[in-house]
Amino acid sequence: MLLQLDDLPSYCVLIGATNHSELLDRATWRRFEIRLDLERPNDERMTEYFANRLKEYPEKSGYTPKRLCAAVGPKSVAEAKEFFSDLQRRLALEQGQIEFRALVKHRVTAWTTQHRRYDGESPATKPVSV
């Protein structure tokens, strides 16, 4: 990769992103003139994101934005987006066969169970089937 970076013409602009900066060595970092650290949004911003996304749905979710954000516990905006993409996908697949509240509750349970497993914790409950 470093050789390919060095072969880029001077008029090229290269933008890279990583969420594991500690895995890149100094030789890699030297090839980037500008570095920006983007911190995880604070709880207030994340709750605001959840509130805005919940407004997209005509039905009530059974959660306040703050409670839903706490239940999902995203570590980044990308994870929050992933949760809502999953919710949207499941909503489309269900085609009105399940109440929105029940679907949200099910996806929160499945989401937290799956992410506990990835974090090395043992899941307290098994995913609920709909």
N, C-alpha and C. Protein backbone atom coordinates (compact mmCIF):
# COMPACT_ATOMS: atom_id res chain seq x y z
N MET A 1 0.81 -1.17 0.00
CA MET A 1 0.00 0.00 0.00
C MET A 1 0.87 1.26 0.00
N LEU A 2 1.94 1.25 0.77
CA LEU A 2 2.79 2.43 0.84
C LEU A 2 3.42 2.76 -0.52
N LEU A 3 3.82 1.73 -1.25
CA LEU A 3 4.40 1.96 -2.58
C LEU A 3 3.37 2.57 -3.53
N GLN A 4 2.14 2.12 -3.42
CA GLN A 4 1.08 2.67 -4.26
C GLN A 4 0.79 4.12 -3.89
N LEU A 5 0.84 4.43 -2.62
CA LEU A 5 0.65 5.82 -2.20
C LEU A 5 1.77 6.70 -2.75
N ASP A 6 2.98 6.20 -2.70
CA ASP A 6 4.13 6.97 -3.19
C ASP A 6 4.08 7.18 -4.70
N ASP A 7 3.42 6.28 -5.43
CA ASP A 7 3.33 6.39 -6.89
C ASP A 7 2.22 7.33 -7.36
N LEU A 8 1.40 7.83 -6.46
CA LEU A 8 0.32 8.73 -6.87
C LEU A 8 0.91 10.03 -7.39
N PRO A 9 0.36 10.57 -8.48
CA PRO A 9 0.83 11.86 -8.99
C PRO A 9 0.56 12.97 -7.97
N SER A 10 1.33 14.03 -8.04
CA SER A 10 1.22 15.11 -7.05
C SER A 10 -0.11 15.85 -7.12
N TYR A 11 -0.80 15.77 -8.24
CA TYR A 11 -2.09 16.47 -8.35
C TYR A 11 -3.25 15.67 -7.75
N CYS A 12 -3.00 14.47 -7.30
CA CYS A 12 -4.05 13.64 -6.69
C CYS A 12 -4.25 14.02 -5.22
N VAL A 13 -5.49 13.95 -4.83
CA VAL A 13 -5.83 14.15 -3.43
C VAL A 13 -6.34 12.82 -2.90
N LEU A 14 -5.72 12.34 -1.86
CA LEU A 14 -6.11 11.07 -1.27
C LEU A 14 -6.71 11.33 0.11
N ILE A 15 -7.88 10.77 0.31
CA ILE A 15 -8.54 10.89 1.61
C ILE A 15 -8.71 9.48 2.16
N GLY A 16 -8.29 9.29 3.37
CA GLY A 16 -8.42 7.98 4.01
C GLY A 16 -9.13 8.13 5.35
N ALA A 17 -9.69 7.06 5.81
CA ALA A 17 -10.36 7.07 7.11
C ALA A 17 -10.11 5.74 7.81
N THR A 18 -10.00 5.80 9.11
CA THR A 18 -9.84 4.59 9.90
C THR A 18 -10.46 4.80 11.27
N ASN A 19 -10.96 3.75 11.83
CA ASN A 19 -11.41 3.84 13.21
C ASN A 19 -10.45 3.07 14.12
N HIS A 20 -9.29 2.69 13.55
CA HIS A 20 -8.25 2.02 14.32
C HIS A 20 -6.90 2.64 13.99
N SER A 21 -6.76 3.91 14.32
CA SER A 21 -5.53 4.63 13.99
C SER A 21 -4.31 4.02 14.66
N GLU A 22 -4.51 3.35 15.77
CA GLU A 22 -3.37 2.75 16.48
C GLU A 22 -2.74 1.59 15.71
N LEU A 23 -3.45 1.08 14.70
CA LEU A 23 -2.91 -0.03 13.90
C LEU A 23 -2.03 0.44 12.75
N LEU A 24 -2.05 1.74 12.47
CA LEU A 24 -1.22 2.27 11.38
C LEU A 24 0.13 2.71 11.91
N ASP A 25 1.18 2.37 11.18
CA ASP A 25 2.52 2.74 11.65
C ASP A 25 2.89 4.15 11.20
N ARG A 26 4.03 4.63 11.68
CA ARG A 26 4.48 6.00 11.37
C ARG A 26 4.72 6.21 9.88
N ALA A 27 5.17 5.18 9.19
CA ALA A 27 5.41 5.31 7.75
C ALA A 27 4.12 5.63 7.00
N THR A 28 3.04 5.06 7.44
CA THR A 28 1.75 5.35 6.81
C THR A 28 1.32 6.78 7.14
N TRP A 29 1.42 7.14 8.40
CA TRP A 29 0.99 8.48 8.81
C TRP A 29 1.79 9.58 8.12
N ARG A 30 3.07 9.34 7.82
CA ARG A 30 3.90 10.36 7.17
C ARG A 30 3.38 10.74 5.78
N ARG A 31 2.64 9.88 5.15
CA ARG A 31 2.15 10.13 3.80
C ARG A 31 0.90 11.02 3.77
N PHE A 32 0.38 11.36 4.92
CA PHE A 32 -0.80 12.22 4.99
C PHE A 32 -0.41 13.54 5.66
N GLU A 33 -0.60 14.64 4.93
CA GLU A 33 -0.21 15.95 5.45
C GLU A 33 -1.15 16.47 6.53
N ILE A 34 -2.42 16.17 6.36
CA ILE A 34 -3.43 16.68 7.30
C ILE A 34 -4.14 15.50 7.94
N ARG A 35 -4.30 15.57 9.24
CA ARG A 35 -5.03 14.52 9.97
C ARG A 35 -6.09 15.17 10.83
N LEU A 36 -7.28 14.63 10.77
CA LEU A 36 -8.38 15.11 11.60
C LEU A 36 -8.87 13.98 12.50
N ASP A 37 -9.02 14.27 13.75
CA ASP A 37 -9.60 13.30 14.67
C ASP A 37 -11.05 13.68 14.88
N LEU A 38 -11.93 12.79 14.55
CA LEU A 38 -13.36 13.03 14.72
C LEU A 38 -13.83 12.20 15.92
N GLU A 39 -14.21 12.89 16.94
CA GLU A 39 -14.66 12.23 18.16
C GLU A 39 -16.09 11.73 18.01
N ARG A 40 -16.43 10.74 18.78
CA ARG A 40 -17.80 10.24 18.82
C ARG A 40 -18.70 11.36 19.32
N PRO A 41 -19.87 11.50 18.70
CA PRO A 41 -20.79 12.53 19.20
C PRO A 41 -21.18 12.25 20.65
N ASN A 42 -21.38 13.31 21.40
CA ASN A 42 -21.79 13.12 22.80
C ASN A 42 -23.22 12.60 22.86
N ASP A 43 -23.67 12.26 24.04
CA ASP A 43 -25.00 11.67 24.22
C ASP A 43 -26.11 12.59 23.71
N GLU A 44 -25.94 13.88 23.92
CA GLU A 44 -26.96 14.84 23.48
C GLU A 44 -27.09 14.83 21.95
N ARG A 45 -25.98 14.85 21.25
CA ARG A 45 -26.00 14.81 19.77
C ARG A 45 -26.57 13.49 19.27
N MET A 46 -26.19 12.41 19.90
CA MET A 46 -26.68 11.09 19.48
C MET A 46 -28.18 11.00 19.71
N THR A 47 -28.66 11.52 20.84
CA THR A 47 -30.10 11.52 21.12
C THR A 47 -30.83 12.37 20.09
N GLU A 48 -30.23 13.49 19.71
CA GLU A 48 -30.81 14.35 18.66
C GLU A 48 -30.91 13.59 17.34
N TYR A 49 -29.89 12.82 17.02
CA TYR A 49 -29.91 12.02 15.80
C TYR A 49 -31.07 11.02 15.86
N PHE A 50 -31.24 10.34 16.99
CA PHE A 50 -32.32 9.37 17.15
C PHE A 50 -33.69 10.07 17.03
N ALA A 51 -33.80 11.26 17.62
CA ALA A 51 -35.07 12.00 17.55
C ALA A 51 -35.41 12.32 16.10
N ASN A 52 -34.43 12.78 15.35
CA ASN A 52 -34.66 13.11 13.93
C ASN A 52 -35.03 11.88 13.12
N ARG A 53 -34.38 10.78 13.38
CA ARG A 53 -34.69 9.56 12.63
C ARG A 53 -36.08 9.03 12.99
N LEU A 54 -36.47 9.11 14.26
CA LEU A 54 -37.79 8.62 14.67
C LEU A 54 -38.92 9.44 14.05
N LYS A 55 -38.65 10.70 13.73
CA LYS A 55 -39.66 11.56 13.08
C LYS A 55 -40.02 11.05 11.69
N GLU A 56 -39.17 10.23 11.10
CA GLU A 56 -39.41 9.70 9.76
C GLU A 56 -40.54 8.67 9.75
N TYR A 57 -40.90 8.16 10.91
CA TYR A 57 -41.91 7.10 11.00
C TYR A 57 -43.22 7.68 11.51
N PRO A 58 -44.33 7.35 10.84
CA PRO A 58 -45.62 7.91 11.25
C PRO A 58 -46.14 7.32 12.57
N GLU A 59 -45.70 6.13 12.92
CA GLU A 59 -46.18 5.48 14.14
C GLU A 59 -45.21 5.71 15.29
N LYS A 60 -45.72 5.55 16.50
CA LYS A 60 -44.90 5.68 17.71
C LYS A 60 -44.07 4.42 17.89
N SER A 61 -42.83 4.62 18.32
CA SER A 61 -41.91 3.48 18.49
C SER A 61 -42.02 2.82 19.85
N GLY A 62 -42.64 3.51 20.82
CA GLY A 62 -42.68 2.98 22.17
C GLY A 62 -41.46 3.38 22.99
N TYR A 63 -40.57 4.15 22.39
CA TYR A 63 -39.36 4.62 23.05
C TYR A 63 -39.26 6.13 22.87
N THR A 64 -38.72 6.81 23.86
CA THR A 64 -38.31 8.19 23.65
C THR A 64 -36.97 8.12 22.91
N PRO A 65 -36.57 9.17 22.21
CA PRO A 65 -35.27 9.13 21.54
C PRO A 65 -34.11 8.82 22.50
N LYS A 66 -34.17 9.39 23.68
CA LYS A 66 -33.09 9.17 24.66
C LYS A 66 -33.06 7.71 25.11
N ARG A 67 -34.23 7.15 25.38
CA ARG A 67 -34.31 5.75 25.83
C ARG A 67 -33.89 4.79 24.73
N LEU A 68 -34.30 5.07 23.49
CA LEU A 68 -33.91 4.21 22.38
C LEU A 68 -32.41 4.27 22.15
N CYS A 69 -31.86 5.46 22.22
CA CYS A 69 -30.40 5.63 22.06
C CYS A 69 -29.66 4.86 23.14
N ALA A 70 -30.14 4.95 24.37
CA ALA A 70 -29.50 4.23 25.47
C ALA A 70 -29.63 2.71 25.29
N ALA A 71 -30.78 2.27 24.79
CA ALA A 71 -31.01 0.83 24.60
C ALA A 71 -30.12 0.28 23.50
N VAL A 72 -29.99 1.02 22.41
CA VAL A 72 -29.17 0.56 21.28
C VAL A 72 -27.69 0.72 21.62
N GLY A 73 -27.34 1.81 22.28
CA GLY A 73 -25.96 2.03 22.71
C GLY A 73 -24.95 2.09 21.58
N PRO A 74 -25.21 2.89 20.54
CA PRO A 74 -24.25 2.94 19.43
C PRO A 74 -22.93 3.55 19.86
N LYS A 75 -21.85 2.99 19.32
CA LYS A 75 -20.53 3.52 19.62
C LYS A 75 -20.12 4.60 18.63
N SER A 76 -20.91 4.75 17.55
CA SER A 76 -20.62 5.75 16.53
C SER A 76 -21.91 6.07 15.79
N VAL A 77 -21.86 7.13 15.01
CA VAL A 77 -23.01 7.48 14.16
C VAL A 77 -23.22 6.38 13.13
N ALA A 78 -22.15 5.77 12.66
CA ALA A 78 -22.27 4.68 11.69
C ALA A 78 -23.09 3.53 12.28
N GLU A 79 -22.88 3.20 13.54
CA GLU A 79 -23.67 2.14 14.17
C GLU A 79 -25.13 2.57 14.32
N ALA A 80 -25.37 3.82 14.65
CA ALA A 80 -26.75 4.32 14.76
C ALA A 80 -27.43 4.23 13.40
N LYS A 81 -26.73 4.62 12.34
CA LYS A 81 -27.29 4.52 10.99
C LYS A 81 -27.57 3.07 10.63
N GLU A 82 -26.67 2.20 11.03
CA GLU A 82 -26.85 0.77 10.75
C GLU A 82 -28.11 0.24 11.44
N PHE A 83 -28.35 0.69 12.68
CA PHE A 83 -29.55 0.27 13.39
C PHE A 83 -30.81 0.72 12.63
N PHE A 84 -30.84 1.97 12.21
CA PHE A 84 -32.02 2.48 11.51
C PHE A 84 -32.17 1.86 10.12
N SER A 85 -31.07 1.54 9.47
CA SER A 85 -31.16 0.84 8.17
C SER A 85 -31.76 -0.54 8.38
N ASP A 86 -31.33 -1.22 9.43
CA ASP A 86 -31.88 -2.54 9.75
C ASP A 86 -33.37 -2.42 10.06
N LEU A 87 -33.75 -1.42 10.82
CA LEU A 87 -35.15 -1.21 11.17
C LEU A 87 -35.98 -0.95 9.92
N GLN A 88 -35.47 -0.12 9.04
CA GLN A 88 -36.18 0.20 7.80
C GLN A 88 -36.33 -1.04 6.92
N ARG A 89 -35.29 -1.83 6.83
CA ARG A 89 -35.31 -3.05 6.03
C ARG A 89 -36.34 -4.04 6.59
N ARG A 90 -36.32 -4.23 7.91
CA ARG A 90 -37.26 -5.16 8.54
C ARG A 90 -38.70 -4.67 8.39
N LEU A 91 -38.89 -3.37 8.48
CA LEU A 91 -40.22 -2.79 8.31
C LEU A 91 -40.75 -3.08 6.91
N ALA A 92 -39.90 -2.94 5.91
CA ALA A 92 -40.29 -3.22 4.53
C ALA A 92 -40.60 -4.70 4.35
N LEU A 93 -39.78 -5.56 4.94
CA LEU A 93 -39.99 -7.00 4.80
C LEU A 93 -41.26 -7.48 5.48
N GLU A 94 -41.62 -6.85 6.58
CA GLU A 94 -42.82 -7.26 7.33
C GLU A 94 -44.10 -6.84 6.62
N GLN A 95 -44.05 -5.82 5.77
CA GLN A 95 -45.20 -5.34 4.98
C GLN A 95 -46.46 -5.17 5.82
N GLY A 96 -46.32 -4.55 6.97
CA GLY A 96 -47.47 -4.25 7.81
C GLY A 96 -47.99 -5.42 8.63
N GLN A 97 -47.30 -6.53 8.64
CA GLN A 97 -47.75 -7.71 9.38
C GLN A 97 -47.43 -7.63 10.87
N ILE A 98 -46.65 -6.65 11.27
CA ILE A 98 -46.30 -6.49 12.68
C ILE A 98 -46.42 -5.02 13.04
N GLU A 99 -46.87 -4.75 14.24
CA GLU A 99 -47.00 -3.38 14.71
C GLU A 99 -45.60 -2.76 14.84
N PHE A 100 -45.48 -1.50 14.49
CA PHE A 100 -44.18 -0.81 14.50
C PHE A 100 -43.52 -0.89 15.87
N ARG A 101 -44.29 -0.67 16.92
CA ARG A 101 -43.75 -0.75 18.29
C ARG A 101 -43.11 -2.10 18.57
N ALA A 102 -43.79 -3.15 18.20
CA ALA A 102 -43.27 -4.51 18.43
C ALA A 102 -42.01 -4.74 17.61
N LEU A 103 -41.99 -4.23 16.40
CA LEU A 103 -40.82 -4.39 15.55
C LEU A 103 -39.61 -3.67 16.15
N VAL A 104 -39.83 -2.45 16.62
CA VAL A 104 -38.72 -1.69 17.23
C VAL A 104 -38.20 -2.44 18.45
N LYS A 105 -39.11 -2.92 19.29
CA LYS A 105 -38.68 -3.66 20.49
C LYS A 105 -37.89 -4.90 20.10
N HIS A 106 -38.36 -5.61 19.09
CA HIS A 106 -37.65 -6.81 18.62
C HIS A 106 -36.27 -6.47 18.09
N ARG A 107 -36.16 -5.40 17.29
CA ARG A 107 -34.86 -5.03 16.71
C ARG A 107 -33.89 -4.54 17.78
N VAL A 108 -34.39 -3.86 18.81
CA VAL A 108 -33.52 -3.44 19.91
C VAL A 108 -32.97 -4.66 20.63
N THR A 109 -33.83 -5.63 20.89
CA THR A 109 -33.39 -6.86 21.56
C THR A 109 -32.35 -7.59 20.71
N ALA A 110 -32.65 -7.74 19.43
CA ALA A 110 -31.72 -8.43 18.53
C ALA A 110 -30.41 -7.66 18.41
N TRP A 111 -30.50 -6.35 18.29
CA TRP A 111 -29.31 -5.50 18.15
C TRP A 111 -28.41 -5.62 19.37
N THR A 112 -29.00 -5.47 20.55
CA THR A 112 -28.17 -5.51 21.76
C THR A 112 -27.58 -6.89 21.99
N THR A 113 -28.34 -7.93 21.68
CA THR A 113 -27.83 -9.29 21.82
C THR A 113 -26.65 -9.51 20.88
N GLN A 114 -26.81 -9.10 19.65
CA GLN A 114 -25.75 -9.28 18.65
C GLN A 114 -24.50 -8.48 19.03
N HIS A 115 -24.67 -7.25 19.46
CA HIS A 115 -23.51 -6.42 19.77
C HIS A 115 -22.84 -6.81 21.07
N ARG A 116 -23.58 -7.36 22.02
CA ARG A 116 -22.93 -7.90 23.22
C ARG A 116 -22.02 -9.04 22.85
N ARG A 117 -22.50 -9.88 21.95
CA ARG A 117 -21.71 -11.02 21.51
C ARG A 117 -20.42 -10.54 20.85
N TYR A 118 -20.49 -9.50 20.01
CA TYR A 118 -19.31 -8.97 19.34
C TYR A 118 -18.35 -8.32 20.32
N ASP A 119 -18.89 -7.79 21.41
CA ASP A 119 -18.05 -7.13 22.41
C ASP A 119 -17.43 -8.12 23.38
N GLY A 120 -17.72 -9.40 23.20
CA GLY A 120 -17.14 -10.41 24.05
C GLY A 120 -17.97 -10.76 25.27
N GLU A 121 -19.14 -10.14 25.42
CA GLU A 121 -20.00 -10.47 26.53
C GLU A 121 -20.92 -11.61 26.13
N SER A 122 -21.40 -12.35 27.09
CA SER A 122 -22.37 -13.38 26.73
C SER A 122 -23.75 -12.76 26.74
N PRO A 123 -24.55 -13.01 25.72
CA PRO A 123 -25.87 -12.39 25.66
C PRO A 123 -26.77 -12.91 26.78
N ALA A 124 -27.50 -11.99 27.38
CA ALA A 124 -28.38 -12.35 28.48
C ALA A 124 -29.66 -13.02 27.96
N THR A 125 -30.05 -12.64 26.76
CA THR A 125 -31.26 -13.21 26.18
C THR A 125 -30.98 -13.62 24.75
N LYS A 126 -31.77 -14.55 24.27
CA LYS A 126 -31.65 -14.95 22.87
C LYS A 126 -32.52 -14.05 22.03
N PRO A 127 -32.17 -13.84 20.74
CA PRO A 127 -33.00 -13.00 19.88
C PRO A 127 -34.42 -13.54 19.81
N VAL A 128 -35.35 -12.62 19.81
CA VAL A 128 -36.76 -12.99 19.74
C VAL A 128 -37.13 -13.14 18.27
N SER A 129 -37.83 -14.21 17.92
CA SER A 129 -38.26 -14.36 16.53
C SER A 129 -39.63 -13.74 16.38
N VAL A 130 -39.84 -13.13 15.24
CA VAL A 130 -41.11 -12.47 14.96
C VAL A 130 -41.93 -13.32 14.05
